[in-house]
Amino acid sequence: MKNIIIYLSLCIAYTNYSQTKSTLKKDEKEKLEAINDYFKTIVKDSNRVVFIAQEKLNSNLTLDIFKQNFIQAIDLKGNIVPYTHLFNEKDWKKFKKQNQDPPIQENRIWDTHKYWGKNDFSHSQTIFESMNTKTGIELIIEKYDKSDICIYSFSEPMYYQNKKYLIFTNLKICISGGSKFVVVMKKIKGKWIRTHEAFNQNETY
């Protein structure tokens, strides 16, 4: 009897482990699908060389921007309207608890422990460079001897409202300026679509 109980316990433990592993793989796949579906909307030329920061942005950046509730909705036709119903304190606290990174130190918004892999992006012409340097984009411009380089940075996509949405920060830096905002994606008919964007209204580029 004791052996049967041990056997059943091991079977249950293994089943739970397998289910958890399968869920994690599915979540990881969906996160990469979301960021690639978005990337195709901002870089439509498949032959264009694109520079991407190899370090992921600290997720606290996304949490802080989203909390400000300066959000606009974007419909399938590209129309933009203010939208304040996506954020609520209860969902945000759960969101924060599940996704918070170590605090940002000395404005180092790129996480030194999380990196993008070369196979994470489906765009074929990508170059990954470190932005965790004292000079940032200036070092990259000097390396390639090109002044028109822009660097895209992304945080890890994070689920919001029971996996209804995936949310991440997009930071684009050029020598002439840049932009930073939170992208909100929702899966519609098998494809991740941008439905909202959130901004830090106190920052300008």
N, C-alpha and C. Protein backbone atom coordinates (compact mmCIF):
# COMPACT_ATOMS: atom_id res chain seq x y z
N MET A 1 0.83 -1.21 0.00
CA MET A 1 0.00 0.00 0.00
C MET A 1 0.87 1.26 0.00
N LYS A 2 1.90 1.23 0.82
CA LYS A 2 2.80 2.38 0.92
C LYS A 2 3.48 2.65 -0.42
N ASN A 3 3.88 1.58 -1.12
CA ASN A 3 4.54 1.72 -2.42
C ASN A 3 3.59 2.31 -3.46
N ILE A 4 2.32 1.92 -3.37
CA ILE A 4 1.32 2.44 -4.30
C ILE A 4 1.14 3.95 -4.11
N ILE A 5 1.08 4.37 -2.83
CA ILE A 5 0.94 5.79 -2.52
C ILE A 5 2.13 6.58 -3.05
N ILE A 6 3.33 6.06 -2.83
CA ILE A 6 4.55 6.72 -3.32
C ILE A 6 4.52 6.82 -4.85
N TYR A 7 4.10 5.73 -5.50
CA TYR A 7 4.04 5.69 -6.97
C TYR A 7 3.04 6.73 -7.49
N LEU A 8 1.87 6.79 -6.86
CA LEU A 8 0.85 7.76 -7.29
C LEU A 8 1.32 9.20 -7.08
N SER A 9 2.00 9.42 -5.96
CA SER A 9 2.53 10.76 -5.68
C SER A 9 3.55 11.19 -6.73
N LEU A 10 4.41 10.26 -7.11
CA LEU A 10 5.41 10.55 -8.14
C LEU A 10 4.75 10.82 -9.49
N CYS A 11 3.70 10.06 -9.80
CA CYS A 11 2.98 10.27 -11.06
C CYS A 11 2.33 11.65 -11.10
N ILE A 12 1.72 12.04 -9.98
CA ILE A 12 1.08 13.36 -9.91
C ILE A 12 2.12 14.47 -10.03
N ALA A 13 3.24 14.30 -9.34
CA ALA A 13 4.31 15.30 -9.37
C ALA A 13 4.85 15.45 -10.79
N TYR A 14 5.05 14.33 -11.47
CA TYR A 14 5.59 14.36 -12.83
C TYR A 14 4.59 15.01 -13.79
N THR A 15 3.30 14.69 -13.61
CA THR A 15 2.26 15.28 -14.47
C THR A 15 2.21 16.79 -14.29
N ASN A 16 2.27 17.23 -13.03
CA ASN A 16 2.26 18.68 -12.75
C ASN A 16 3.48 19.36 -13.34
N TYR A 17 4.64 18.71 -13.23
CA TYR A 17 5.88 19.26 -13.78
C TYR A 17 5.78 19.38 -15.30
N SER A 18 5.25 18.34 -15.95
CA SER A 18 5.12 18.34 -17.41
C SER A 18 4.16 19.43 -17.87
N GLN A 19 3.06 19.60 -17.14
CA GLN A 19 2.08 20.63 -17.50
C GLN A 19 2.66 22.03 -17.33
N THR A 20 3.41 22.23 -16.25
CA THR A 20 4.03 23.53 -16.00
C THR A 20 5.06 23.86 -17.08
N LYS A 21 5.86 22.85 -17.44
CA LYS A 21 6.88 23.04 -18.47
C LYS A 21 6.24 23.36 -19.82
N SER A 22 5.15 22.67 -20.12
CA SER A 22 4.43 22.90 -21.37
C SER A 22 3.83 24.30 -21.42
N THR A 23 3.29 24.76 -20.29
CA THR A 23 2.71 26.11 -20.21
C THR A 23 3.77 27.17 -20.40
N LEU A 24 4.94 26.98 -19.77
CA LEU A 24 6.03 27.94 -19.90
C LEU A 24 6.51 28.04 -21.35
N LYS A 25 6.60 26.90 -22.03
CA LYS A 25 7.01 26.90 -23.44
C LYS A 25 6.00 27.64 -24.30
N LYS A 26 4.71 27.41 -24.03
CA LYS A 26 3.66 28.09 -24.78
C LYS A 26 3.70 29.59 -24.53
N ASP A 27 3.89 29.98 -23.26
CA ASP A 27 3.96 31.41 -22.92
C ASP A 27 5.14 32.08 -23.61
N GLU A 28 6.29 31.41 -23.60
CA GLU A 28 7.49 31.96 -24.24
C GLU A 28 7.26 32.13 -25.74
N LYS A 29 6.63 31.14 -26.35
CA LYS A 29 6.34 31.22 -27.78
C LYS A 29 5.42 32.38 -28.10
N GLU A 30 4.38 32.57 -27.27
CA GLU A 30 3.43 33.65 -27.50
C GLU A 30 4.09 35.02 -27.32
N LYS A 31 4.98 35.14 -26.35
CA LYS A 31 5.67 36.41 -26.12
C LYS A 31 6.52 36.79 -27.32
N LEU A 32 7.21 35.82 -27.89
CA LEU A 32 8.04 36.09 -29.07
C LEU A 32 7.16 36.38 -30.28
N GLU A 33 6.03 35.69 -30.39
CA GLU A 33 5.10 35.97 -31.49
C GLU A 33 4.59 37.41 -31.40
N ALA A 34 4.25 37.84 -30.19
CA ALA A 34 3.72 39.19 -29.99
C ALA A 34 4.73 40.25 -30.38
N ILE A 35 5.97 40.09 -29.93
CA ILE A 35 6.97 41.11 -30.20
C ILE A 35 7.36 41.11 -31.69
N ASN A 36 7.32 39.95 -32.32
CA ASN A 36 7.62 39.88 -33.75
C ASN A 36 6.47 40.42 -34.60
N ASP A 37 5.23 40.14 -34.19
CA ASP A 37 4.08 40.71 -34.90
C ASP A 37 4.11 42.23 -34.83
N TYR A 38 4.51 42.77 -33.67
CA TYR A 38 4.64 44.22 -33.54
C TYR A 38 5.80 44.74 -34.37
N PHE A 39 6.91 44.04 -34.33
CA PHE A 39 8.13 44.49 -35.03
C PHE A 39 7.87 44.63 -36.53
N LYS A 40 7.04 43.75 -37.07
CA LYS A 40 6.73 43.80 -38.51
C LYS A 40 5.96 45.07 -38.87
N THR A 41 5.29 45.66 -37.89
CA THR A 41 4.53 46.89 -38.18
C THR A 41 5.41 48.13 -38.15
N ILE A 42 6.57 48.05 -37.49
CA ILE A 42 7.44 49.23 -37.43
C ILE A 42 8.64 49.11 -38.37
N VAL A 43 8.96 47.88 -38.79
CA VAL A 43 10.04 47.67 -39.77
C VAL A 43 9.46 46.79 -40.88
N LYS A 44 8.95 47.43 -41.92
CA LYS A 44 8.23 46.71 -42.96
C LYS A 44 9.14 46.22 -44.08
N ASP A 45 10.32 46.79 -44.18
CA ASP A 45 11.29 46.37 -45.20
C ASP A 45 12.12 45.22 -44.65
N SER A 46 11.91 44.02 -45.18
CA SER A 46 12.61 42.83 -44.67
C SER A 46 14.11 42.87 -44.95
N ASN A 47 14.54 43.71 -45.87
CA ASN A 47 15.97 43.81 -46.20
C ASN A 47 16.69 44.91 -45.43
N ARG A 48 15.95 45.63 -44.64
CA ARG A 48 16.54 46.73 -43.88
C ARG A 48 17.33 46.20 -42.69
N VAL A 49 18.54 46.70 -42.50
CA VAL A 49 19.36 46.33 -41.34
C VAL A 49 18.85 47.08 -40.12
N VAL A 50 18.55 46.35 -39.05
CA VAL A 50 18.01 46.95 -37.84
C VAL A 50 18.91 46.63 -36.66
N PHE A 51 19.20 47.65 -35.86
CA PHE A 51 20.01 47.48 -34.65
C PHE A 51 19.09 47.30 -33.45
N ILE A 52 19.38 46.28 -32.65
CA ILE A 52 18.59 45.99 -31.46
C ILE A 52 19.50 45.86 -30.25
N ALA A 53 19.12 46.47 -29.14
CA ALA A 53 19.89 46.33 -27.90
C ALA A 53 19.83 44.89 -27.43
N GLN A 54 20.98 44.30 -27.16
CA GLN A 54 20.98 42.89 -26.76
C GLN A 54 20.42 42.69 -25.35
N GLU A 55 20.53 43.72 -24.51
CA GLU A 55 19.96 43.62 -23.17
C GLU A 55 18.47 43.97 -23.20
N LYS A 56 17.67 43.24 -22.46
CA LYS A 56 16.27 43.57 -22.34
C LYS A 56 16.11 44.76 -21.39
N LEU A 57 15.14 45.60 -21.67
CA LEU A 57 14.86 46.71 -20.77
C LEU A 57 14.32 46.18 -19.44
N ASN A 58 14.66 46.86 -18.37
CA ASN A 58 14.16 46.50 -17.05
C ASN A 58 12.63 46.60 -17.04
N SER A 59 11.96 45.56 -16.57
CA SER A 59 10.50 45.52 -16.59
C SER A 59 9.86 46.58 -15.71
N ASN A 60 10.60 47.10 -14.75
CA ASN A 60 10.06 48.17 -13.90
C ASN A 60 9.74 49.41 -14.71
N LEU A 61 10.45 49.59 -15.81
CA LEU A 61 10.19 50.72 -16.71
C LEU A 61 8.76 50.61 -17.25
N THR A 62 8.39 49.42 -17.69
CA THR A 62 7.04 49.17 -18.20
C THR A 62 6.00 49.39 -17.11
N LEU A 63 6.27 48.85 -15.93
CA LEU A 63 5.33 48.97 -14.82
C LEU A 63 5.09 50.44 -14.46
N ASP A 64 6.15 51.23 -14.41
CA ASP A 64 6.04 52.64 -14.01
C ASP A 64 5.28 53.46 -15.06
N ILE A 65 5.57 53.22 -16.33
CA ILE A 65 4.88 53.97 -17.39
C ILE A 65 3.39 53.61 -17.41
N PHE A 66 3.11 52.31 -17.33
CA PHE A 66 1.73 51.86 -17.40
C PHE A 66 0.90 52.38 -16.23
N LYS A 67 1.53 52.49 -15.06
CA LYS A 67 0.81 52.94 -13.86
C LYS A 67 0.29 54.37 -14.00
N GLN A 68 0.94 55.17 -14.82
CA GLN A 68 0.53 56.56 -14.97
C GLN A 68 -0.82 56.69 -15.68
N ASN A 69 -1.26 55.62 -16.34
CA ASN A 69 -2.57 55.57 -16.97
C ASN A 69 -2.76 56.65 -18.03
N PHE A 70 -1.69 57.00 -18.70
CA PHE A 70 -1.78 57.89 -19.86
C PHE A 70 -1.79 56.97 -21.09
N ILE A 71 -2.98 56.45 -21.39
CA ILE A 71 -3.12 55.37 -22.37
C ILE A 71 -4.03 55.79 -23.51
N GLN A 72 -3.68 55.38 -24.71
CA GLN A 72 -4.55 55.62 -25.85
C GLN A 72 -4.84 54.30 -26.56
N ALA A 73 -6.07 54.16 -27.04
CA ALA A 73 -6.49 52.96 -27.78
C ALA A 73 -6.25 53.18 -29.26
N ILE A 74 -5.90 52.08 -29.95
CA ILE A 74 -5.64 52.13 -31.39
C ILE A 74 -6.48 51.05 -32.05
N ASP A 75 -7.42 51.44 -32.92
CA ASP A 75 -8.25 50.43 -33.57
C ASP A 75 -7.54 49.87 -34.81
N LEU A 76 -8.19 48.92 -35.48
CA LEU A 76 -7.56 48.23 -36.61
C LEU A 76 -7.31 49.16 -37.80
N LYS A 77 -7.97 50.32 -37.82
CA LYS A 77 -7.76 51.30 -38.88
C LYS A 77 -6.68 52.32 -38.52
N GLY A 78 -6.15 52.20 -37.30
CA GLY A 78 -5.10 53.12 -36.87
C GLY A 78 -5.62 54.36 -36.18
N ASN A 79 -6.93 54.45 -35.95
CA ASN A 79 -7.49 55.61 -35.25
C ASN A 79 -7.09 55.56 -33.78
N ILE A 80 -6.76 56.72 -33.23
CA ILE A 80 -6.26 56.81 -31.86
C ILE A 80 -7.20 57.64 -31.00
N VAL A 81 -7.56 57.11 -29.83
CA VAL A 81 -8.42 57.83 -28.90
C VAL A 81 -7.92 57.60 -27.48
N PRO A 82 -8.10 58.57 -26.56
CA PRO A 82 -7.72 58.36 -25.16
C PRO A 82 -8.51 57.20 -24.57
N TYR A 83 -7.86 56.45 -23.66
CA TYR A 83 -8.51 55.27 -23.09
C TYR A 83 -8.00 55.05 -21.68
N THR A 84 -8.89 55.15 -20.70
CA THR A 84 -8.46 55.07 -19.30
C THR A 84 -8.98 53.81 -18.60
N HIS A 85 -9.66 52.92 -19.31
CA HIS A 85 -10.29 51.77 -18.66
C HIS A 85 -9.39 50.54 -18.61
N LEU A 86 -8.27 50.57 -19.30
CA LEU A 86 -7.39 49.40 -19.32
C LEU A 86 -6.67 49.21 -17.98
N PHE A 87 -6.31 50.34 -17.38
CA PHE A 87 -5.57 50.27 -16.11
C PHE A 87 -6.54 50.25 -14.93
N ASN A 88 -6.27 49.37 -13.97
CA ASN A 88 -6.93 49.47 -12.67
C ASN A 88 -5.93 48.97 -11.62
N GLU A 89 -6.06 49.47 -10.43
CA GLU A 89 -5.07 49.25 -9.38
C GLU A 89 -4.91 47.77 -9.02
N LYS A 90 -6.03 47.04 -8.97
CA LYS A 90 -5.98 45.63 -8.59
C LYS A 90 -5.20 44.82 -9.62
N ASP A 91 -5.49 44.99 -10.90
CA ASP A 91 -4.78 44.26 -11.95
C ASP A 91 -3.32 44.67 -12.00
N TRP A 92 -3.06 45.98 -11.78
CA TRP A 92 -1.68 46.46 -11.85
C TRP A 92 -0.83 45.87 -10.73
N LYS A 93 -1.38 45.77 -9.53
CA LYS A 93 -0.63 45.20 -8.41
C LYS A 93 -0.28 43.74 -8.67
N LYS A 94 -1.21 42.99 -9.25
CA LYS A 94 -0.95 41.60 -9.62
C LYS A 94 0.12 41.54 -10.72
N PHE A 95 -0.01 42.43 -11.67
CA PHE A 95 0.93 42.57 -12.78
C PHE A 95 2.34 42.85 -12.25
N LYS A 96 2.44 43.75 -11.29
CA LYS A 96 3.72 44.12 -10.71
C LYS A 96 4.33 42.95 -9.93
N LYS A 97 3.52 42.28 -9.13
CA LYS A 97 3.99 41.16 -8.31
C LYS A 97 4.58 40.04 -9.17
N GLN A 98 4.00 39.81 -10.33
CA GLN A 98 4.44 38.72 -11.20
C GLN A 98 5.65 39.09 -12.06
N ASN A 99 5.92 40.39 -12.25
CA ASN A 99 6.90 40.78 -13.27
C ASN A 99 8.00 41.73 -12.80
N GLN A 100 8.01 42.11 -11.55
CA GLN A 100 8.96 43.12 -11.09
C GLN A 100 10.40 42.63 -11.17
N ASP A 101 11.26 43.47 -11.74
CA ASP A 101 12.70 43.22 -11.79
C ASP A 101 13.38 43.93 -10.62
N PRO A 102 14.67 43.65 -10.37
CA PRO A 102 15.41 44.44 -9.37
C PRO A 102 15.35 45.92 -9.73
N PRO A 103 15.38 46.81 -8.73
CA PRO A 103 15.28 48.25 -9.00
C PRO A 103 16.32 48.74 -10.01
N ILE A 104 15.92 49.73 -10.79
CA ILE A 104 16.84 50.34 -11.75
C ILE A 104 17.89 51.15 -10.99
N GLN A 105 19.16 50.91 -11.29
CA GLN A 105 20.25 51.59 -10.62
C GLN A 105 20.92 52.60 -11.55
N GLU A 106 21.03 53.84 -11.08
CA GLU A 106 21.75 54.89 -11.82
C GLU A 106 21.26 55.01 -13.26
N ASN A 107 19.95 54.96 -13.43
CA ASN A 107 19.33 55.11 -14.75
C ASN A 107 19.75 54.03 -15.75
N ARG A 108 20.28 52.91 -15.25
CA ARG A 108 20.63 51.80 -16.14
C ARG A 108 19.35 51.00 -16.41
N ILE A 109 18.63 51.41 -17.43
CA ILE A 109 17.32 50.81 -17.71
C ILE A 109 17.44 49.48 -18.44
N TRP A 110 18.64 49.16 -18.95
CA TRP A 110 18.84 47.86 -19.60
C TRP A 110 19.28 46.85 -18.55
N ASP A 111 18.58 45.71 -18.51
CA ASP A 111 18.85 44.69 -17.52
C ASP A 111 20.11 43.90 -17.89
N THR A 112 21.02 43.76 -16.97
CA THR A 112 22.28 43.07 -17.26
C THR A 112 22.16 41.56 -17.11
N HIS A 113 20.98 41.06 -16.77
CA HIS A 113 20.82 39.62 -16.57
C HIS A 113 19.84 38.99 -17.56
N LYS A 114 19.25 39.81 -18.42
CA LYS A 114 18.30 39.30 -19.41
C LYS A 114 18.70 39.79 -20.79
N TYR A 115 18.83 38.86 -21.71
CA TYR A 115 19.31 39.22 -23.04
C TYR A 115 18.42 38.61 -24.12
N TRP A 116 18.36 39.30 -25.25
CA TRP A 116 17.69 38.75 -26.41
C TRP A 116 18.65 37.82 -27.15
N GLY A 117 18.10 36.73 -27.68
CA GLY A 117 18.90 35.81 -28.48
C GLY A 117 18.75 36.12 -29.96
N LYS A 118 19.70 35.70 -30.75
CA LYS A 118 19.68 36.03 -32.19
C LYS A 118 18.49 35.38 -32.90
N ASN A 119 17.92 34.33 -32.31
CA ASN A 119 16.78 33.66 -32.93
C ASN A 119 15.43 34.14 -32.41
N ASP A 120 15.44 35.13 -31.51
CA ASP A 120 14.20 35.62 -30.94
C ASP A 120 13.40 36.47 -31.93
N PHE A 121 14.10 37.13 -32.85
CA PHE A 121 13.45 37.99 -33.82
C PHE A 121 13.46 37.33 -35.19
N SER A 122 12.32 37.36 -35.86
CA SER A 122 12.21 36.72 -37.17
C SER A 122 12.80 37.60 -38.27
N HIS A 123 12.96 38.88 -38.01
CA HIS A 123 13.57 39.77 -38.99
C HIS A 123 15.01 39.32 -39.26
N SER A 124 15.33 39.11 -40.51
CA SER A 124 16.62 38.47 -40.84
C SER A 124 17.81 39.41 -40.72
N GLN A 125 17.60 40.69 -40.94
CA GLN A 125 18.71 41.65 -40.95
C GLN A 125 18.81 42.38 -39.61
N THR A 126 19.22 41.68 -38.58
CA THR A 126 19.32 42.29 -37.25
C THR A 126 20.77 42.25 -36.74
N ILE A 127 21.16 43.32 -36.08
CA ILE A 127 22.47 43.40 -35.44
C ILE A 127 22.24 43.73 -33.97
N PHE A 128 22.76 42.90 -33.09
CA PHE A 128 22.60 43.11 -31.65
C PHE A 128 23.84 43.78 -31.07
N GLU A 129 23.62 44.85 -30.33
CA GLU A 129 24.72 45.57 -29.69
C GLU A 129 24.35 45.89 -28.25
N SER A 130 25.36 46.03 -27.41
CA SER A 130 25.13 46.38 -26.01
C SER A 130 24.86 47.87 -25.85
N MET A 131 23.85 48.18 -25.05
CA MET A 131 23.57 49.57 -24.71
C MET A 131 23.95 49.86 -23.26
N ASN A 132 24.47 48.85 -22.58
CA ASN A 132 24.86 49.02 -21.18
C ASN A 132 26.29 49.53 -21.07
N THR A 133 26.55 50.63 -21.76
CA THR A 133 27.87 51.25 -21.73
C THR A 133 27.72 52.71 -21.34
N LYS A 134 28.80 53.35 -21.01
CA LYS A 134 28.75 54.75 -20.59
C LYS A 134 28.33 55.68 -21.71
N THR A 135 28.68 55.31 -22.94
CA THR A 135 28.37 56.19 -24.08
C THR A 135 27.18 55.72 -24.90
N GLY A 136 26.69 54.52 -24.64
CA GLY A 136 25.48 54.04 -25.31
C GLY A 136 25.58 54.03 -26.82
N ILE A 137 24.65 54.74 -27.47
CA ILE A 137 24.56 54.73 -28.92
C ILE A 137 25.79 55.37 -29.59
N GLU A 138 26.44 56.27 -28.90
CA GLU A 138 27.62 56.93 -29.49
C GLU A 138 28.71 55.93 -29.83
N LEU A 139 28.90 54.94 -28.97
CA LEU A 139 29.91 53.92 -29.23
C LEU A 139 29.55 53.09 -30.46
N ILE A 140 28.26 52.83 -30.64
CA ILE A 140 27.80 52.04 -31.79
C ILE A 140 27.94 52.83 -33.08
N ILE A 141 27.61 54.11 -33.04
CA ILE A 141 27.78 54.98 -34.21
C ILE A 141 29.24 55.05 -34.62
N GLU A 142 30.11 55.15 -33.62
CA GLU A 142 31.56 55.19 -33.90
C GLU A 142 32.04 53.86 -34.49
N LYS A 143 31.51 52.76 -33.96
CA LYS A 143 31.92 51.44 -34.43
C LYS A 143 31.58 51.22 -35.89
N TYR A 144 30.39 51.66 -36.31
CA TYR A 144 29.95 51.42 -37.69
C TYR A 144 30.15 52.64 -38.59
N ASP A 145 30.63 53.72 -38.00
CA ASP A 145 30.90 54.96 -38.75
C ASP A 145 29.66 55.40 -39.53
N LYS A 146 28.53 55.39 -38.84
CA LYS A 146 27.27 55.81 -39.46
C LYS A 146 26.49 56.66 -38.45
N SER A 147 26.08 57.86 -38.86
CA SER A 147 25.40 58.76 -37.94
C SER A 147 23.88 58.57 -37.93
N ASP A 148 23.36 57.78 -38.88
CA ASP A 148 21.91 57.62 -38.98
C ASP A 148 21.40 56.34 -38.31
N ILE A 149 22.24 55.75 -37.47
CA ILE A 149 21.84 54.52 -36.77
C ILE A 149 20.81 54.83 -35.67
N CYS A 150 19.79 53.98 -35.59
CA CYS A 150 18.84 54.01 -34.47
C CYS A 150 18.84 52.64 -33.80
N ILE A 151 18.70 52.62 -32.50
CA ILE A 151 18.71 51.38 -31.73
C ILE A 151 17.32 51.13 -31.15
N TYR A 152 16.78 49.95 -31.39
CA TYR A 152 15.52 49.55 -30.78
C TYR A 152 15.81 48.72 -29.53
N SER A 153 15.08 49.02 -28.45
CA SER A 153 15.20 48.24 -27.22
C SER A 153 13.81 47.79 -26.80
N PHE A 154 13.74 46.59 -26.25
CA PHE A 154 12.45 46.04 -25.83
C PHE A 154 12.59 45.39 -24.45
N SER A 155 11.54 45.50 -23.67
CA SER A 155 11.49 44.75 -22.41
C SER A 155 10.84 43.40 -22.67
N GLU A 156 10.92 42.52 -21.71
CA GLU A 156 10.26 41.22 -21.80
C GLU A 156 8.74 41.43 -21.86
N PRO A 157 8.05 40.86 -22.85
CA PRO A 157 6.58 40.96 -22.87
C PRO A 157 5.99 40.30 -21.61
N MET A 158 4.98 40.93 -21.04
CA MET A 158 4.39 40.46 -19.79
C MET A 158 2.88 40.34 -19.95
N TYR A 159 2.32 39.27 -19.40
CA TYR A 159 0.87 39.08 -19.46
C TYR A 159 0.15 40.03 -18.50
N TYR A 160 -1.03 40.47 -18.94
CA TYR A 160 -1.85 41.37 -18.13
C TYR A 160 -3.31 40.93 -18.24
N GLN A 161 -4.03 41.03 -17.14
CA GLN A 161 -5.44 40.65 -17.06
C GLN A 161 -5.66 39.20 -17.51
N ASN A 162 -5.04 38.28 -16.77
CA ASN A 162 -5.21 36.85 -17.01
C ASN A 162 -4.90 36.45 -18.45
N LYS A 163 -3.78 36.98 -18.94
CA LYS A 163 -3.25 36.63 -20.26
C LYS A 163 -4.10 37.17 -21.42
N LYS A 164 -4.94 38.13 -21.13
CA LYS A 164 -5.73 38.76 -22.19
C LYS A 164 -4.84 39.64 -23.07
N TYR A 165 -3.83 40.27 -22.43
CA TYR A 165 -2.92 41.17 -23.14
C TYR A 165 -1.46 40.78 -22.88
N LEU A 166 -0.59 41.17 -23.78
CA LEU A 166 0.85 41.14 -23.57
C LEU A 166 1.36 42.57 -23.68
N ILE A 167 2.19 42.95 -22.72
CA ILE A 167 2.62 44.34 -22.61
C ILE A 167 4.15 44.41 -22.53
N PHE A 168 4.75 45.35 -23.27
CA PHE A 168 6.20 45.54 -23.21
C PHE A 168 6.54 46.98 -23.59
N THR A 169 7.75 47.40 -23.25
CA THR A 169 8.21 48.74 -23.60
C THR A 169 9.02 48.69 -24.88
N ASN A 170 8.80 49.69 -25.73
CA ASN A 170 9.59 49.89 -26.94
C ASN A 170 10.34 51.22 -26.79
N LEU A 171 11.64 51.16 -26.81
CA LEU A 171 12.47 52.36 -26.73
C LEU A 171 13.31 52.45 -28.00
N LYS A 172 13.16 53.54 -28.73
CA LYS A 172 13.94 53.78 -29.93
C LYS A 172 14.84 54.99 -29.69
N ILE A 173 16.14 54.79 -29.88
CA ILE A 173 17.10 55.88 -29.65
C ILE A 173 17.90 56.14 -30.93
N CYS A 174 17.91 57.38 -31.35
CA CYS A 174 18.74 57.84 -32.47
C CYS A 174 19.59 59.00 -31.94
N ILE A 175 20.60 59.37 -32.68
CA ILE A 175 21.46 60.46 -32.23
C ILE A 175 20.67 61.79 -32.16
N SER A 176 19.60 61.88 -32.95
CA SER A 176 18.80 63.11 -32.98
C SER A 176 17.66 63.10 -31.97
N GLY A 177 17.44 61.97 -31.30
CA GLY A 177 16.35 61.88 -30.34
C GLY A 177 15.81 60.47 -30.28
N GLY A 178 14.56 60.33 -29.86
CA GLY A 178 14.00 58.99 -29.78
C GLY A 178 12.59 58.99 -29.24
N SER A 179 12.10 57.81 -28.89
CA SER A 179 10.75 57.68 -28.35
C SER A 179 10.72 56.49 -27.40
N LYS A 180 9.82 56.57 -26.43
CA LYS A 180 9.68 55.50 -25.45
C LYS A 180 8.21 55.38 -25.06
N PHE A 181 7.65 54.21 -25.20
CA PHE A 181 6.26 53.99 -24.83
C PHE A 181 6.01 52.51 -24.59
N VAL A 182 4.90 52.22 -23.94
CA VAL A 182 4.50 50.85 -23.67
C VAL A 182 3.52 50.40 -24.74
N VAL A 183 3.79 49.21 -25.28
CA VAL A 183 2.93 48.63 -26.31
C VAL A 183 2.03 47.57 -25.67
N VAL A 184 0.74 47.62 -25.99
CA VAL A 184 -0.21 46.65 -25.48
C VAL A 184 -0.73 45.83 -26.67
N MET A 185 -0.55 44.50 -26.59
CA MET A 185 -0.94 43.61 -27.68
C MET A 185 -2.05 42.66 -27.22
N LYS A 186 -2.96 42.36 -28.14
CA LYS A 186 -4.04 41.41 -27.88
C LYS A 186 -4.13 40.45 -29.05
N LYS A 187 -4.33 39.17 -28.76
CA LYS A 187 -4.41 38.18 -29.83
C LYS A 187 -5.81 38.19 -30.44
N ILE A 188 -5.84 38.49 -31.75
CA ILE A 188 -7.09 38.56 -32.49
C ILE A 188 -6.97 37.70 -33.74
N LYS A 189 -7.81 36.69 -33.85
CA LYS A 189 -7.81 35.77 -34.99
C LYS A 189 -6.42 35.17 -35.24
N GLY A 190 -5.77 34.75 -34.14
CA GLY A 190 -4.50 34.05 -34.24
C GLY A 190 -3.28 34.92 -34.42
N LYS A 191 -3.45 36.25 -34.38
CA LYS A 191 -2.32 37.17 -34.55
C LYS A 191 -2.35 38.23 -33.46
N TRP A 192 -1.16 38.57 -32.95
CA TRP A 192 -1.08 39.61 -31.92
C TRP A 192 -1.15 40.98 -32.57
N ILE A 193 -2.11 41.78 -32.12
CA ILE A 193 -2.38 43.10 -32.68
C ILE A 193 -2.17 44.16 -31.60
N ARG A 194 -1.56 45.28 -31.98
CA ARG A 194 -1.41 46.39 -31.04
C ARG A 194 -2.77 47.05 -30.84
N THR A 195 -3.23 47.10 -29.60
CA THR A 195 -4.53 47.69 -29.30
C THR A 195 -4.43 49.00 -28.50
N HIS A 196 -3.32 49.17 -27.76
CA HIS A 196 -3.14 50.37 -26.95
C HIS A 196 -1.67 50.73 -26.87
N GLU A 197 -1.40 51.98 -26.51
CA GLU A 197 -0.06 52.43 -26.16
C GLU A 197 -0.15 53.30 -24.91
N ALA A 198 0.86 53.20 -24.06
CA ALA A 198 0.91 54.00 -22.83
C ALA A 198 2.19 54.81 -22.81
N PHE A 199 2.12 56.03 -22.29
CA PHE A 199 3.25 56.95 -22.33
C PHE A 199 3.55 57.53 -20.95
N ASN A 200 4.78 58.00 -20.79
CA ASN A 200 5.14 58.84 -19.67
C ASN A 200 4.97 60.29 -20.15
N GLN A 201 3.90 60.93 -19.73
CA GLN A 201 3.58 62.27 -20.25
C GLN A 201 4.55 63.33 -19.77
N ASN A 202 5.44 62.98 -18.82
CA ASN A 202 6.41 63.94 -18.31
C ASN A 202 7.73 63.89 -19.08
N GLU A 203 7.86 62.95 -20.02
CA GLU A 203 9.08 62.84 -20.80
C GLU A 203 8.83 63.28 -22.23
N THR A 204 9.82 63.95 -22.79
CA THR A 204 9.75 64.35 -24.20
C THR A 204 11.05 63.97 -24.87
N TYR A 205 10.99 63.68 -26.16
CA TYR A 205 12.16 63.32 -26.93
C TYR A 205 12.28 64.22 -28.16
